[in-house]
Amino acid sequence: SVVVQKSFSVANAISYIESSQDSNGSFGGSELYTDWALIGLSAKGIDSTVKNKALEYLRSKNKIRSNLTDNERRAMALLALGENPYEFDGTNYIEAIIKSFDSTQFGDSSLVNDDIFAVLVLAKVGYNESDIEIKNAVEFIISKQKSNGSWEDSIDITGASLQALSLYNNLPGVSNSMNLASNY
C-alpha cells in the first residue's frame, strides 16, 4: 500500500483565514473565533488591513464578561495584536483576571483551563514567580494533573499546561509535572 503524504502550507492557511474575515472585522461572526483567529494569525505576522478591521470589531465588543476565560482569551488576542490589555479603550482585562483570584486559584475551582490561561496572560504582562497569584496558580495547576500525566485526559489542556508551566521552571513541582506530562 502506498502512503500519500499531503503537505501543509502555513502560507495558504494564513491566506485562507485572512480571506475568511467578515466585513465587520470578525471571524465566523463570533468573538470566540475572532480572538483565536487573531492569536493564531499573529504568530506569523498579521496583515495590517486584517488587524485594523479586527481591532474595530474588538472595540465594538469591548467589555468585561462574566466568564473568566472570555476575558483571558481577549487579553491574549490583544497581546497578540500588540495592544494593551490593561487599558484597551477604557477596559482593563488584567484587572478582571486578577479580581477572579481567590488566593488559591483563578475563577472556577472545578476548572483548570481558567488558571492556565491566567498564568499565560499574566506572564506576558509582567507577573513572575515571586507573585502569589503565579505561585498559587501554578501549584493549583499541578494539583489538577492526573496520574497519567494529563490534565483532563486532554491533549489540548495538557499542551496548554505545559506552555504555562514552562514559564516557571523554578517553582516547586514544575519540573516533575512537566516530565510526567511529556510522557503522556
C-alpha atoms as a PDB file:
ATOM      1  CA  SER A   1       0.000   0.000   0.000  1.00  0.00           C
ATOM      2  CA  VAL A   2       1.249   3.432  -0.920  1.00  0.00           C
ATOM      3  CA  VAL A   3       1.115   6.153   1.685  1.00  0.00           C
ATOM      4  CA  VAL A   4       0.496   9.563   0.206  1.00  0.00           C
ATOM      5  CA  GLN A   5       1.728  12.404   2.335  1.00  0.00           C
ATOM      6  CA  LYS A   6      -0.060  15.663   1.871  1.00  0.00           C
ATOM      7  CA  SER A   7       1.902  18.793   2.508  1.00  0.00           C
ATOM      8  CA  PHE A   8       0.596  21.564   4.685  1.00  0.00           C
ATOM      9  CA  SER A   9       1.178  25.136   3.652  1.00  0.00           C
ATOM     10  CA  VAL A  10       1.211  27.645   6.506  1.00  0.00           C
ATOM     11  CA  ALA A  11       1.084  30.482   3.978  1.00  0.00           C
ATOM     12  CA  ASN A  12      -2.048  29.017   2.369  1.00  0.00           C
ATOM     13  CA  ALA A  13      -3.663  28.502   5.773  1.00  0.00           C
ATOM     14  CA  ILE A  14      -2.965  32.110   6.749  1.00  0.00           C
ATOM     15  CA  SER A  15      -4.328  33.360   3.433  1.00  0.00           C
ATOM     16  CA  TYR A  16      -7.454  31.276   3.896  1.00  0.00           C
ATOM     17  CA  ILE A  17      -8.071  32.540   7.441  1.00  0.00           C
ATOM     18  CA  GLU A  18      -7.457  36.147   6.429  1.00  0.00           C
ATOM     19  CA  SER A  19      -9.832  35.772   3.467  1.00  0.00           C
ATOM     20  CA  SER A  20     -12.480  34.447   5.871  1.00  0.00           C
ATOM     21  CA  GLN A  21     -12.664  37.707   7.808  1.00  0.00           C
ATOM     22  CA  ASP A  22     -16.195  39.093   7.838  1.00  0.00           C
ATOM     23  CA  SER A  23     -16.891  42.651   6.689  1.00  0.00           C
ATOM     24  CA  ASN A  24     -17.388  43.694  10.341  1.00  0.00           C
ATOM     25  CA  GLY A  25     -13.852  42.516  11.178  1.00  0.00           C
ATOM     26  CA  SER A  26     -14.846  39.300  12.936  1.00  0.00           C
ATOM     27  CA  PHE A  27     -14.051  35.720  12.035  1.00  0.00           C
ATOM     28  CA  GLY A  28     -17.005  33.368  11.951  1.00  0.00           C
ATOM     29  CA  GLY A  29     -19.229  36.131  13.313  1.00  0.00           C
ATOM     30  CA  SER A  30     -18.064  35.276  16.801  1.00  0.00           C
ATOM     31  CA  GLU A  31     -15.879  36.857  19.465  1.00  0.00           C
ATOM     32  CA  LEU A  32     -14.578  33.405  20.338  1.00  0.00           C
ATOM     33  CA  TYR A  33     -13.457  32.603  16.787  1.00  0.00           C
ATOM     34  CA  THR A  34     -12.168  36.124  16.250  1.00  0.00           C
ATOM     35  CA  ASP A  35      -9.930  36.069  19.314  1.00  0.00           C
ATOM     36  CA  TRP A  36      -8.496  32.631  18.465  1.00  0.00           C
ATOM     37  CA  ALA A  37      -8.016  33.549  14.786  1.00  0.00           C
ATOM     38  CA  LEU A  38      -6.117  36.694  15.779  1.00  0.00           C
ATOM     39  CA  ILE A  39      -3.928  34.784  18.221  1.00  0.00           C
ATOM     40  CA  GLY A  40      -3.092  32.273  15.501  1.00  0.00           C
ATOM     41  CA  LEU A  41      -2.557  34.830  12.749  1.00  0.00           C
ATOM     42  CA  SER A  42      -0.237  36.924  14.893  1.00  0.00           C
ATOM     43  CA  ALA A  43       2.266  34.066  15.126  1.00  0.00           C
ATOM     44  CA  LYS A  44       3.358  34.762  11.549  1.00  0.00           C
ATOM     45  CA  GLY A  45       2.583  38.472  11.449  1.00  0.00           C
ATOM     46  CA  ILE A  46      -0.872  39.763  10.779  1.00  0.00           C
ATOM     47  CA  ASP A  47      -1.785  41.800   7.714  1.00  0.00           C
ATOM     48  CA  SER A  48      -2.368  45.425   8.739  1.00  0.00           C
ATOM     49  CA  THR A  49      -5.748  45.650   6.972  1.00  0.00           C
ATOM     50  CA  VAL A  50      -6.936  42.470   8.707  1.00  0.00           C
ATOM     51  CA  LYS A  51      -5.610  43.765  12.023  1.00  0.00           C
ATOM     52  CA  ASN A  52      -7.273  47.170  11.703  1.00  0.00           C
ATOM     53  CA  LYS A  53     -10.654  45.653  10.790  1.00  0.00           C
ATOM     54  CA  ALA A  54     -10.324  43.203  13.679  1.00  0.00           C
ATOM     55  CA  LEU A  55      -9.481  45.996  16.118  1.00  0.00           C
ATOM     56  CA  GLU A  56     -12.643  47.846  15.048  1.00  0.00           C
ATOM     57  CA  TYR A  57     -14.627  44.688  15.765  1.00  0.00           C
ATOM     58  CA  LEU A  58     -12.922  44.174  19.144  1.00  0.00           C
ATOM     59  CA  ARG A  59     -13.673  47.774  20.096  1.00  0.00           C
ATOM     60  CA  SER A  60     -17.355  47.191  19.274  1.00  0.00           C
ATOM     61  CA  LYS A  61     -17.373  44.164  21.628  1.00  0.00           C
ATOM     62  CA  ASN A  62     -15.135  45.687  24.280  1.00  0.00           C
ATOM     63  CA  LYS A  63     -16.439  44.828  27.731  1.00  0.00           C
ATOM     64  CA  ILE A  64     -15.642  42.616  30.674  1.00  0.00           C
ATOM     65  CA  ARG A  65     -17.517  39.309  30.517  1.00  0.00           C
ATOM     66  CA  SER A  66     -18.793  37.203  33.396  1.00  0.00           C
ATOM     67  CA  ASN A  67     -16.900  34.193  32.030  1.00  0.00           C
ATOM     68  CA  LEU A  68     -13.236  34.495  33.042  1.00  0.00           C
ATOM     69  CA  THR A  69     -11.918  32.533  30.075  1.00  0.00           C
ATOM     70  CA  ASP A  70     -13.579  35.060  27.737  1.00  0.00           C
ATOM     71  CA  ASN A  71     -11.596  37.862  29.401  1.00  0.00           C
ATOM     72  CA  GLU A  72      -8.385  35.830  29.339  1.00  0.00           C
ATOM     73  CA  ARG A  73      -8.840  34.945  25.680  1.00  0.00           C
ATOM     74  CA  ARG A  74      -9.490  38.604  24.840  1.00  0.00           C
ATOM     75  CA  ALA A  75      -6.338  39.622  26.751  1.00  0.00           C
ATOM     76  CA  MET A  76      -4.350  37.044  24.751  1.00  0.00           C
ATOM     77  CA  ALA A  77      -5.775  38.390  21.484  1.00  0.00           C
ATOM     78  CA  LEU A  78      -4.939  41.957  22.469  1.00  0.00           C
ATOM     79  CA  LEU A  79      -1.403  40.971  23.433  1.00  0.00           C
ATOM     80  CA  ALA A  80      -1.032  39.113  20.131  1.00  0.00           C
ATOM     81  CA  LEU A  81      -2.004  42.320  18.318  1.00  0.00           C
ATOM     82  CA  GLY A  82       0.407  44.437  20.351  1.00  0.00           C
ATOM     83  CA  GLU A  83      -2.418  46.140  22.244  1.00  0.00           C
ATOM     84  CA  ASN A  84      -2.509  46.944  25.959  1.00  0.00           C
ATOM     85  CA  PRO A  85      -4.870  44.617  27.868  1.00  0.00           C
ATOM     86  CA  TYR A  86      -4.554  46.854  30.953  1.00  0.00           C
ATOM     87  CA  GLU A  87      -6.255  49.636  29.016  1.00  0.00           C
ATOM     88  CA  PHE A  88      -7.979  48.767  25.776  1.00  0.00           C
ATOM     89  CA  ASP A  89     -10.307  51.679  25.059  1.00  0.00           C
ATOM     90  CA  GLY A  90     -11.062  52.041  28.771  1.00  0.00           C
ATOM     91  CA  THR A  91     -11.346  48.321  29.581  1.00  0.00           C
ATOM     92  CA  ASN A  92      -8.877  46.581  31.905  1.00  0.00           C
ATOM     93  CA  TYR A  93      -8.856  42.853  31.145  1.00  0.00           C
ATOM     94  CA  ILE A  94      -5.932  42.206  33.503  1.00  0.00           C
ATOM     95  CA  GLU A  95      -7.836  43.648  36.461  1.00  0.00           C
ATOM     96  CA  ALA A  96     -10.754  41.324  35.625  1.00  0.00           C
ATOM     97  CA  ILE A  97      -8.388  38.354  35.703  1.00  0.00           C
ATOM     98  CA  ILE A  98      -6.752  39.402  38.987  1.00  0.00           C
ATOM     99  CA  LYS A  99     -10.140  40.053  40.627  1.00  0.00           C
ATOM    100  CA  SER A 100     -11.070  36.418  39.983  1.00  0.00           C
ATOM    101  CA  PHE A 101      -8.145  35.165  42.109  1.00  0.00           C
ATOM    102  CA  ASP A 102      -9.339  33.688  45.413  1.00  0.00           C
ATOM    103  CA  SER A 103      -5.843  33.385  46.984  1.00  0.00           C
ATOM    104  CA  THR A 104      -5.527  29.819  45.667  1.00  0.00           C
ATOM    105  CA  GLN A 105      -6.652  29.847  42.049  1.00  0.00           C
ATOM    106  CA  PHE A 106      -8.400  31.856  39.341  1.00  0.00           C
ATOM    107  CA  GLY A 107     -12.091  31.651  38.529  1.00  0.00           C
ATOM    108  CA  ASP A 108     -13.962  28.384  38.927  1.00  0.00           C
ATOM    109  CA  SER A 109     -12.197  25.911  41.226  1.00  0.00           C
ATOM    110  CA  SER A 110     -13.650  22.988  39.267  1.00  0.00           C
ATOM    111  CA  LEU A 111     -11.818  24.142  36.142  1.00  0.00           C
ATOM    112  CA  VAL A 112      -8.115  24.267  35.380  1.00  0.00           C
ATOM    113  CA  ASN A 113      -8.151  25.958  31.965  1.00  0.00           C
ATOM    114  CA  ASP A 114      -9.009  29.333  33.515  1.00  0.00           C
ATOM    115  CA  ASP A 115      -5.899  29.046  35.709  1.00  0.00           C
ATOM    116  CA  ILE A 116      -3.710  28.003  32.778  1.00  0.00           C
ATOM    117  CA  PHE A 117      -4.872  30.956  30.692  1.00  0.00           C
ATOM    118  CA  ALA A 118      -4.428  33.329  33.645  1.00  0.00           C
ATOM    119  CA  VAL A 119      -0.815  32.210  34.095  1.00  0.00           C
ATOM    120  CA  LEU A 120      -0.111  32.572  30.364  1.00  0.00           C
ATOM    121  CA  VAL A 121      -1.568  36.087  30.220  1.00  0.00           C
ATOM    122  CA  LEU A 122      -0.050  37.334  33.468  1.00  0.00           C
ATOM    123  CA  ALA A 123       3.402  36.117  32.435  1.00  0.00           C
ATOM    124  CA  LYS A 124       3.199  38.373  29.393  1.00  0.00           C
ATOM    125  CA  VAL A 125       2.188  41.473  31.365  1.00  0.00           C
ATOM    126  CA  GLY A 126       4.917  41.418  33.994  1.00  0.00           C
ATOM    127  CA  TYR A 127       3.897  38.912  36.662  1.00  0.00           C
ATOM    128  CA  ASN A 128       6.610  36.496  37.736  1.00  0.00           C
ATOM    129  CA  GLU A 129       7.209  33.527  40.011  1.00  0.00           C
ATOM    130  CA  SER A 130       7.540  35.724  43.081  1.00  0.00           C
ATOM    131  CA  ASP A 131       3.930  36.912  42.721  1.00  0.00           C
ATOM    132  CA  ILE A 132       1.497  34.999  44.953  1.00  0.00           C
ATOM    133  CA  GLU A 133      -1.026  34.741  42.116  1.00  0.00           C
ATOM    134  CA  ILE A 134       1.512  32.899  39.968  1.00  0.00           C
ATOM    135  CA  LYS A 135       2.902  30.701  42.763  1.00  0.00           C
ATOM    136  CA  ASN A 136      -0.521  29.567  43.902  1.00  0.00           C
ATOM    137  CA  ALA A 137      -1.994  29.172  40.419  1.00  0.00           C
ATOM    138  CA  VAL A 138       0.972  27.028  39.352  1.00  0.00           C
ATOM    139  CA  GLU A 139       0.525  24.903  42.475  1.00  0.00           C
ATOM    140  CA  PHE A 140      -3.202  24.588  41.680  1.00  0.00           C
ATOM    141  CA  ILE A 141      -2.499  23.606  38.064  1.00  0.00           C
ATOM    142  CA  ILE A 142      -0.052  20.916  39.207  1.00  0.00           C
ATOM    143  CA  SER A 143      -2.611  19.625  41.732  1.00  0.00           C
ATOM    144  CA  LYS A 144      -5.090  19.027  38.885  1.00  0.00           C
ATOM    145  CA  GLN A 145      -2.696  16.815  36.919  1.00  0.00           C
ATOM    146  CA  LYS A 146      -3.870  13.215  36.592  1.00  0.00           C
ATOM    147  CA  SER A 147      -1.671  10.230  37.411  1.00  0.00           C
ATOM    148  CA  ASN A 148      -1.315   9.509  33.670  1.00  0.00           C
ATOM    149  CA  GLY A 149       0.389  12.902  33.254  1.00  0.00           C
ATOM    150  CA  SER A 150      -2.515  14.655  31.570  1.00  0.00           C
ATOM    151  CA  TRP A 151      -4.901  17.337  32.563  1.00  0.00           C
ATOM    152  CA  GLU A 152      -8.487  16.253  31.963  1.00  0.00           C
ATOM    153  CA  ASP A 153      -7.247  13.430  29.672  1.00  0.00           C
ATOM    154  CA  SER A 154      -6.919  16.153  27.044  1.00  0.00           C
ATOM    155  CA  ILE A 155      -4.002  16.731  24.707  1.00  0.00           C
ATOM    156  CA  ASP A 156      -5.094  20.380  24.315  1.00  0.00           C
ATOM    157  CA  ILE A 157      -5.308  21.148  28.044  1.00  0.00           C
ATOM    158  CA  THR A 158      -2.118  19.183  28.700  1.00  0.00           C
ATOM    159  CA  GLY A 159      -0.295  21.136  25.986  1.00  0.00           C
ATOM    160  CA  ALA A 160      -1.557  24.440  27.377  1.00  0.00           C
ATOM    161  CA  SER A 161      -0.492  23.361  30.873  1.00  0.00           C
ATOM    162  CA  LEU A 162       2.993  22.598  29.601  1.00  0.00           C
ATOM    163  CA  GLN A 163       3.185  26.037  27.997  1.00  0.00           C
ATOM    164  CA  ALA A 164       2.117  27.745  31.208  1.00  0.00           C
ATOM    165  CA  LEU A 165       4.341  25.685  33.498  1.00  0.00           C
ATOM    166  CA  SER A 166       7.373  26.074  31.254  1.00  0.00           C
ATOM    167  CA  LEU A 167       7.379  29.772  32.141  1.00  0.00           C
ATOM    168  CA  TYR A 168       8.025  28.904  35.790  1.00  0.00           C
ATOM    169  CA  ASN A 169      10.550  26.053  35.808  1.00  0.00           C
ATOM    170  CA  ASN A 170      11.997  27.160  39.159  1.00  0.00           C
ATOM    171  CA  LEU A 171       8.789  26.749  41.141  1.00  0.00           C
ATOM    172  CA  PRO A 172       8.397  23.580  43.230  1.00  0.00           C
ATOM    173  CA  GLY A 173       6.970  20.589  41.401  1.00  0.00           C
ATOM    174  CA  VAL A 174       7.049  22.152  37.931  1.00  0.00           C
ATOM    175  CA  SER A 175       9.915  20.064  36.542  1.00  0.00           C
ATOM    176  CA  ASN A 176       8.405  16.787  37.751  1.00  0.00           C
ATOM    177  CA  SER A 177       4.958  17.758  36.496  1.00  0.00           C
ATOM    178  CA  MET A 178       6.323  18.671  33.057  1.00  0.00           C
ATOM    179  CA  ASN A 179       8.205  15.370  32.797  1.00  0.00           C
ATOM    180  CA  LEU A 180       5.063  13.428  33.666  1.00  0.00           C
ATOM    181  CA  ALA A 181       3.041  15.433  31.141  1.00  0.00           C
ATOM    182  CA  SER A 182       5.669  14.929  28.424  1.00  0.00           C
ATOM    183  CA  ASN A 183       5.346  11.177  28.839  1.00  0.00           C
ATOM    184  CA  TYR A 184       1.581  11.481  28.358  1.00  0.00           C
END
